[in-house]
Amino acid sequence: MARLIMEAEGTAGTGASAGVAKPGNQLPLHLVVSVTRSTGTAVTGLSSSDFQIEPIIVAPGGALVTIDRTIEAQAGVYLIEVIPIPAGTWQLGRYIFWLALHTGSHHGQTVCSVFVD
């Protein structure tokens, strides 16, 4: 089993582009995730099914989430669009996500904090 190195940043709400997560909607919250091997080489060719996300802390009244779409923006850099489960909407406040990757015998994980406003 080999360890993969993951880093993630997210954005939502005020200051973000139109059509993104804001309180009361179900639009995507965007996470940019970098995945590299311990040697520093990019891990390419991943898809949504390789990633897992769980909200560890959600804003009051917030919902569970699911990965809607994953795009490889650059070699080893992925834009992951996260949306609330069908019955939920984004709520005002901080979300802290646990993001994991499992591909073959390779694994990695990280946490990411996003404020939805």
N, C-alpha and C. Protein backbone atom coordinates (compact mmCIF):
# COMPACT_ATOMS: atom_id res chain seq x y z
N MET A 1 0.84 -1.17 0.00
CA MET A 1 0.00 0.00 0.00
C MET A 1 0.89 1.24 0.00
N ALA A 2 0.56 2.19 -0.87
CA ALA A 2 1.34 3.43 -0.96
C ALA A 2 0.50 4.61 -0.51
N ARG A 3 1.15 5.53 0.15
CA ARG A 3 0.49 6.73 0.64
C ARG A 3 0.48 7.80 -0.45
N LEU A 4 -0.69 8.40 -0.66
CA LEU A 4 -0.82 9.52 -1.57
C LEU A 4 -0.97 10.80 -0.74
N ILE A 5 -0.40 11.88 -1.22
CA ILE A 5 -0.46 13.17 -0.52
C ILE A 5 -1.57 14.00 -1.16
N MET A 6 -2.50 14.45 -0.32
CA MET A 6 -3.63 15.25 -0.79
C MET A 6 -3.65 16.59 -0.09
N GLU A 7 -3.95 17.64 -0.85
CA GLU A 7 -4.19 18.97 -0.30
C GLU A 7 -5.47 19.48 -0.92
N ALA A 8 -6.30 20.18 -0.15
CA ALA A 8 -7.58 20.65 -0.65
C ALA A 8 -7.89 22.06 -0.16
N GLU A 9 -8.52 22.84 -1.03
CA GLU A 9 -9.03 24.18 -0.72
C GLU A 9 -10.42 24.27 -1.31
N GLY A 10 -11.29 25.04 -0.66
CA GLY A 10 -12.65 25.18 -1.15
C GLY A 10 -13.13 26.61 -1.13
N THR A 11 -14.21 26.88 -1.87
CA THR A 11 -14.80 28.21 -1.90
C THR A 11 -16.31 28.10 -2.08
N ALA A 12 -17.01 29.06 -1.49
CA ALA A 12 -18.46 29.14 -1.62
C ALA A 12 -18.92 30.53 -1.21
N GLY A 13 -20.12 30.92 -1.64
CA GLY A 13 -20.76 32.13 -1.16
C GLY A 13 -20.13 33.42 -1.62
N THR A 14 -20.17 34.44 -0.76
CA THR A 14 -19.72 35.78 -1.08
C THR A 14 -18.29 35.78 -1.62
N GLY A 15 -18.10 36.48 -2.72
CA GLY A 15 -16.77 36.56 -3.32
C GLY A 15 -16.50 35.44 -4.32
N ALA A 16 -17.30 34.40 -4.28
CA ALA A 16 -17.14 33.31 -5.25
C ALA A 16 -17.92 33.65 -6.51
N SER A 17 -17.64 32.95 -7.58
CA SER A 17 -18.34 33.21 -8.83
C SER A 17 -19.81 32.79 -8.71
N ALA A 18 -20.64 33.26 -9.62
CA ALA A 18 -22.07 32.93 -9.61
C ALA A 18 -22.26 31.43 -9.83
N GLY A 19 -23.37 30.93 -9.35
CA GLY A 19 -23.70 29.53 -9.57
C GLY A 19 -23.00 28.58 -8.62
N VAL A 20 -22.67 29.06 -7.41
CA VAL A 20 -22.01 28.20 -6.42
C VAL A 20 -22.81 28.15 -5.13
N ALA A 21 -22.36 27.31 -4.22
CA ALA A 21 -23.03 27.09 -2.95
C ALA A 21 -23.21 28.39 -2.17
N LYS A 22 -24.44 28.63 -1.76
CA LYS A 22 -24.79 29.75 -0.88
C LYS A 22 -25.91 29.26 0.03
N PRO A 23 -26.10 29.90 1.17
CA PRO A 23 -27.16 29.46 2.07
C PRO A 23 -28.51 29.36 1.36
N GLY A 24 -29.19 28.22 1.56
CA GLY A 24 -30.51 28.00 0.99
C GLY A 24 -30.54 27.35 -0.37
N ASN A 25 -29.38 27.19 -1.03
CA ASN A 25 -29.42 26.54 -2.35
C ASN A 25 -28.75 25.16 -2.32
N GLN A 26 -28.78 24.48 -3.45
CA GLN A 26 -28.16 23.17 -3.60
C GLN A 26 -27.10 23.18 -4.69
N LEU A 27 -26.59 24.36 -5.03
CA LEU A 27 -25.58 24.46 -6.08
C LEU A 27 -24.24 23.93 -5.58
N PRO A 28 -23.33 23.62 -6.50
CA PRO A 28 -22.06 22.99 -6.10
C PRO A 28 -21.16 23.87 -5.23
N LEU A 29 -20.54 23.22 -4.29
CA LEU A 29 -19.44 23.80 -3.52
C LEU A 29 -18.18 23.23 -4.17
N HIS A 30 -17.26 24.10 -4.56
CA HIS A 30 -16.09 23.67 -5.32
C HIS A 30 -14.89 23.43 -4.41
N LEU A 31 -14.30 22.25 -4.54
CA LEU A 31 -13.05 21.91 -3.87
C LEU A 31 -11.99 21.68 -4.92
N VAL A 32 -10.83 22.27 -4.74
CA VAL A 32 -9.69 22.01 -5.61
C VAL A 32 -8.75 21.12 -4.81
N VAL A 33 -8.46 19.94 -5.37
CA VAL A 33 -7.69 18.92 -4.65
C VAL A 33 -6.46 18.54 -5.46
N SER A 34 -5.30 18.64 -4.84
CA SER A 34 -4.04 18.22 -5.44
C SER A 34 -3.69 16.83 -4.89
N VAL A 35 -3.32 15.92 -5.80
CA VAL A 35 -2.94 14.56 -5.39
C VAL A 35 -1.58 14.23 -5.99
N THR A 36 -0.61 13.92 -5.10
CA THR A 36 0.72 13.54 -5.55
C THR A 36 1.20 12.29 -4.82
N ARG A 37 2.18 11.65 -5.43
CA ARG A 37 2.87 10.55 -4.77
C ARG A 37 3.93 11.14 -3.83
N SER A 38 4.51 10.31 -2.99
CA SER A 38 5.54 10.79 -2.07
C SER A 38 6.76 11.34 -2.81
N THR A 39 6.90 10.96 -4.08
CA THR A 39 8.00 11.47 -4.91
C THR A 39 7.71 12.85 -5.48
N GLY A 40 6.47 13.31 -5.31
CA GLY A 40 6.06 14.61 -5.85
C GLY A 40 5.42 14.54 -7.22
N THR A 41 5.35 13.38 -7.83
CA THR A 41 4.73 13.26 -9.15
C THR A 41 3.21 13.26 -9.02
N ALA A 42 2.56 13.87 -9.98
CA ALA A 42 1.11 14.00 -9.99
C ALA A 42 0.44 12.64 -10.18
N VAL A 43 -0.69 12.45 -9.50
CA VAL A 43 -1.52 11.26 -9.69
C VAL A 43 -2.64 11.66 -10.64
N THR A 44 -2.65 11.08 -11.83
CA THR A 44 -3.60 11.45 -12.88
C THR A 44 -4.64 10.36 -13.10
N GLY A 45 -5.70 10.75 -13.83
CA GLY A 45 -6.71 9.79 -14.26
C GLY A 45 -7.72 9.37 -13.21
N LEU A 46 -7.88 10.16 -12.14
CA LEU A 46 -8.85 9.80 -11.10
C LEU A 46 -10.25 10.27 -11.49
N SER A 47 -11.26 9.64 -10.87
CA SER A 47 -12.65 10.01 -11.12
C SER A 47 -13.39 10.13 -9.79
N SER A 48 -14.63 10.54 -9.84
CA SER A 48 -15.44 10.71 -8.63
C SER A 48 -15.48 9.45 -7.78
N SER A 49 -15.50 8.30 -8.42
CA SER A 49 -15.59 7.04 -7.66
C SER A 49 -14.33 6.74 -6.85
N ASP A 50 -13.22 7.42 -7.14
CA ASP A 50 -11.99 7.23 -6.37
C ASP A 50 -11.98 8.04 -5.07
N PHE A 51 -12.86 9.05 -4.98
CA PHE A 51 -12.89 9.94 -3.83
C PHE A 51 -14.08 9.63 -2.93
N GLN A 52 -13.92 9.95 -1.66
CA GLN A 52 -14.99 9.84 -0.68
C GLN A 52 -14.97 11.13 0.15
N ILE A 53 -16.15 11.67 0.46
CA ILE A 53 -16.22 12.90 1.26
C ILE A 53 -17.26 12.74 2.36
N GLU A 54 -16.92 13.25 3.53
CA GLU A 54 -17.84 13.24 4.67
C GLU A 54 -17.74 14.59 5.36
N PRO A 55 -18.87 15.23 5.66
CA PRO A 55 -18.82 16.46 6.45
C PRO A 55 -18.66 16.08 7.93
N ILE A 56 -17.55 16.46 8.52
CA ILE A 56 -17.30 16.17 9.93
C ILE A 56 -18.01 17.19 10.80
N ILE A 57 -17.94 18.46 10.41
CA ILE A 57 -18.67 19.54 11.08
C ILE A 57 -19.46 20.26 10.01
N VAL A 58 -20.75 20.47 10.28
CA VAL A 58 -21.59 21.19 9.33
C VAL A 58 -22.19 22.41 10.00
N ALA A 59 -22.56 23.39 9.19
CA ALA A 59 -23.25 24.57 9.71
C ALA A 59 -24.58 24.11 10.33
N PRO A 60 -25.10 24.86 11.32
CA PRO A 60 -26.38 24.47 11.93
C PRO A 60 -27.46 24.25 10.87
N GLY A 61 -28.09 23.09 10.90
CA GLY A 61 -29.13 22.75 9.93
C GLY A 61 -28.58 22.21 8.63
N GLY A 62 -27.26 22.08 8.52
CA GLY A 62 -26.63 21.59 7.29
C GLY A 62 -26.90 20.10 7.07
N ALA A 63 -26.63 19.64 5.87
CA ALA A 63 -26.95 18.27 5.47
C ALA A 63 -25.69 17.49 5.09
N LEU A 64 -25.85 16.19 4.93
CA LEU A 64 -24.80 15.37 4.35
C LEU A 64 -24.58 15.81 2.91
N VAL A 65 -23.46 15.40 2.31
CA VAL A 65 -23.13 15.81 0.95
C VAL A 65 -22.75 14.61 0.10
N THR A 66 -22.69 14.84 -1.19
CA THR A 66 -22.24 13.83 -2.13
C THR A 66 -21.40 14.52 -3.21
N ILE A 67 -20.54 13.75 -3.86
CA ILE A 67 -19.73 14.29 -4.97
C ILE A 67 -20.57 14.22 -6.23
N ASP A 68 -20.80 15.38 -6.85
CA ASP A 68 -21.60 15.47 -8.06
C ASP A 68 -20.76 15.26 -9.31
N ARG A 69 -19.54 15.84 -9.30
CA ARG A 69 -18.70 15.76 -10.50
C ARG A 69 -17.25 16.00 -10.12
N THR A 70 -16.34 15.34 -10.84
CA THR A 70 -14.90 15.53 -10.66
C THR A 70 -14.26 15.76 -12.01
N ILE A 71 -13.48 16.84 -12.11
CA ILE A 71 -12.80 17.19 -13.36
C ILE A 71 -11.31 17.31 -13.06
N GLU A 72 -10.47 16.70 -13.88
CA GLU A 72 -9.03 16.88 -13.74
C GLU A 72 -8.65 18.17 -14.46
N ALA A 73 -8.42 19.23 -13.69
CA ALA A 73 -8.14 20.55 -14.25
C ALA A 73 -6.71 20.68 -14.77
N GLN A 74 -5.78 20.07 -14.08
CA GLN A 74 -4.36 20.00 -14.46
C GLN A 74 -3.90 18.61 -14.04
N ALA A 75 -2.73 18.20 -14.46
CA ALA A 75 -2.23 16.89 -14.07
C ALA A 75 -2.16 16.80 -12.55
N GLY A 76 -2.99 15.91 -11.97
CA GLY A 76 -3.00 15.70 -10.53
C GLY A 76 -3.77 16.73 -9.73
N VAL A 77 -4.46 17.66 -10.40
CA VAL A 77 -5.27 18.67 -9.71
C VAL A 77 -6.71 18.50 -10.17
N TYR A 78 -7.59 18.31 -9.19
CA TYR A 78 -8.98 17.96 -9.48
C TYR A 78 -9.94 19.01 -8.93
N LEU A 79 -10.93 19.40 -9.74
CA LEU A 79 -12.03 20.22 -9.29
C LEU A 79 -13.15 19.26 -8.91
N ILE A 80 -13.48 19.22 -7.63
CA ILE A 80 -14.54 18.33 -7.15
C ILE A 80 -15.73 19.18 -6.76
N GLU A 81 -16.87 18.91 -7.38
CA GLU A 81 -18.10 19.63 -7.08
C GLU A 81 -18.92 18.80 -6.09
N VAL A 82 -19.18 19.40 -4.93
CA VAL A 82 -19.90 18.74 -3.85
C VAL A 82 -21.27 19.40 -3.72
N ILE A 83 -22.32 18.58 -3.56
CA ILE A 83 -23.67 19.11 -3.37
C ILE A 83 -24.32 18.44 -2.16
N PRO A 84 -25.31 19.12 -1.55
CA PRO A 84 -26.03 18.48 -0.44
C PRO A 84 -26.86 17.31 -0.96
N ILE A 85 -27.15 16.38 -0.06
CA ILE A 85 -28.05 15.29 -0.44
C ILE A 85 -29.38 15.89 -0.87
N PRO A 86 -30.22 15.16 -1.63
CA PRO A 86 -31.43 15.76 -2.21
C PRO A 86 -32.34 16.50 -1.24
N ALA A 87 -32.46 16.07 -0.01
CA ALA A 87 -33.37 16.73 0.93
C ALA A 87 -32.75 17.94 1.61
N GLY A 88 -31.47 18.22 1.37
CA GLY A 88 -30.77 19.27 2.10
C GLY A 88 -30.41 20.47 1.26
N THR A 89 -30.05 21.55 1.94
CA THR A 89 -29.52 22.75 1.30
C THR A 89 -28.31 23.22 2.11
N TRP A 90 -27.50 24.06 1.49
CA TRP A 90 -26.39 24.67 2.21
C TRP A 90 -26.94 25.62 3.25
N GLN A 91 -26.25 25.74 4.37
CA GLN A 91 -26.64 26.65 5.44
C GLN A 91 -25.49 27.59 5.73
N LEU A 92 -25.79 28.75 6.30
CA LEU A 92 -24.78 29.71 6.66
C LEU A 92 -23.87 29.14 7.74
N GLY A 93 -22.57 29.13 7.48
CA GLY A 93 -21.64 28.67 8.49
C GLY A 93 -20.48 27.87 7.93
N ARG A 94 -19.67 27.35 8.85
CA ARG A 94 -18.46 26.61 8.50
C ARG A 94 -18.76 25.13 8.32
N TYR A 95 -18.17 24.56 7.27
CA TYR A 95 -18.20 23.12 7.01
C TYR A 95 -16.76 22.64 7.05
N ILE A 96 -16.52 21.54 7.73
CA ILE A 96 -15.20 20.91 7.70
C ILE A 96 -15.40 19.51 7.13
N PHE A 97 -14.75 19.26 6.00
CA PHE A 97 -14.89 18.00 5.28
C PHE A 97 -13.67 17.11 5.46
N TRP A 98 -13.91 15.81 5.54
CA TRP A 98 -12.87 14.79 5.45
C TRP A 98 -12.96 14.26 4.03
N LEU A 99 -11.85 14.28 3.32
CA LEU A 99 -11.79 13.83 1.93
C LEU A 99 -10.77 12.71 1.84
N ALA A 100 -11.19 11.58 1.29
CA ALA A 100 -10.30 10.42 1.17
C ALA A 100 -10.22 9.98 -0.28
N LEU A 101 -9.14 9.29 -0.59
CA LEU A 101 -8.88 8.77 -1.93
C LEU A 101 -8.43 7.33 -1.81
N HIS A 102 -9.05 6.47 -2.59
CA HIS A 102 -8.67 5.06 -2.66
C HIS A 102 -8.62 4.68 -4.14
N THR A 103 -7.43 4.35 -4.62
CA THR A 103 -7.28 3.90 -6.00
C THR A 103 -6.28 2.75 -6.02
N GLY A 104 -6.77 1.57 -6.35
CA GLY A 104 -5.93 0.39 -6.28
C GLY A 104 -5.46 0.19 -4.85
N SER A 105 -4.16 0.05 -4.66
CA SER A 105 -3.60 -0.11 -3.31
C SER A 105 -3.07 1.21 -2.74
N HIS A 106 -3.44 2.31 -3.37
CA HIS A 106 -2.96 3.63 -2.96
C HIS A 106 -4.06 4.38 -2.21
N HIS A 107 -3.66 5.06 -1.12
CA HIS A 107 -4.64 5.75 -0.29
C HIS A 107 -4.11 7.09 0.17
N GLY A 108 -5.03 8.03 0.40
CA GLY A 108 -4.67 9.31 0.97
C GLY A 108 -5.89 9.95 1.61
N GLN A 109 -5.66 10.95 2.46
CA GLN A 109 -6.76 11.67 3.06
C GLN A 109 -6.31 13.06 3.48
N THR A 110 -7.29 13.96 3.62
CA THR A 110 -7.03 15.31 4.09
C THR A 110 -8.32 15.88 4.66
N VAL A 111 -8.24 17.05 5.26
CA VAL A 111 -9.42 17.78 5.70
C VAL A 111 -9.43 19.13 5.03
N CYS A 112 -10.61 19.71 4.89
CA CYS A 112 -10.77 20.98 4.21
C CYS A 112 -11.90 21.75 4.88
N SER A 113 -11.66 23.03 5.17
CA SER A 113 -12.64 23.88 5.81
C SER A 113 -13.17 24.91 4.80
N VAL A 114 -14.49 25.07 4.73
CA VAL A 114 -15.11 26.04 3.82
C VAL A 114 -16.21 26.78 4.59
N PHE A 115 -16.26 28.09 4.44
CA PHE A 115 -17.33 28.88 5.04
C PHE A 115 -18.33 29.23 3.97
N VAL A 116 -19.58 28.85 4.17
CA VAL A 116 -20.66 29.15 3.22
C VAL A 116 -21.39 30.39 3.73
N ASP A 117 -21.37 31.45 2.92
CA ASP A 117 -22.09 32.67 3.30
C ASP A 117 -22.70 33.35 2.09
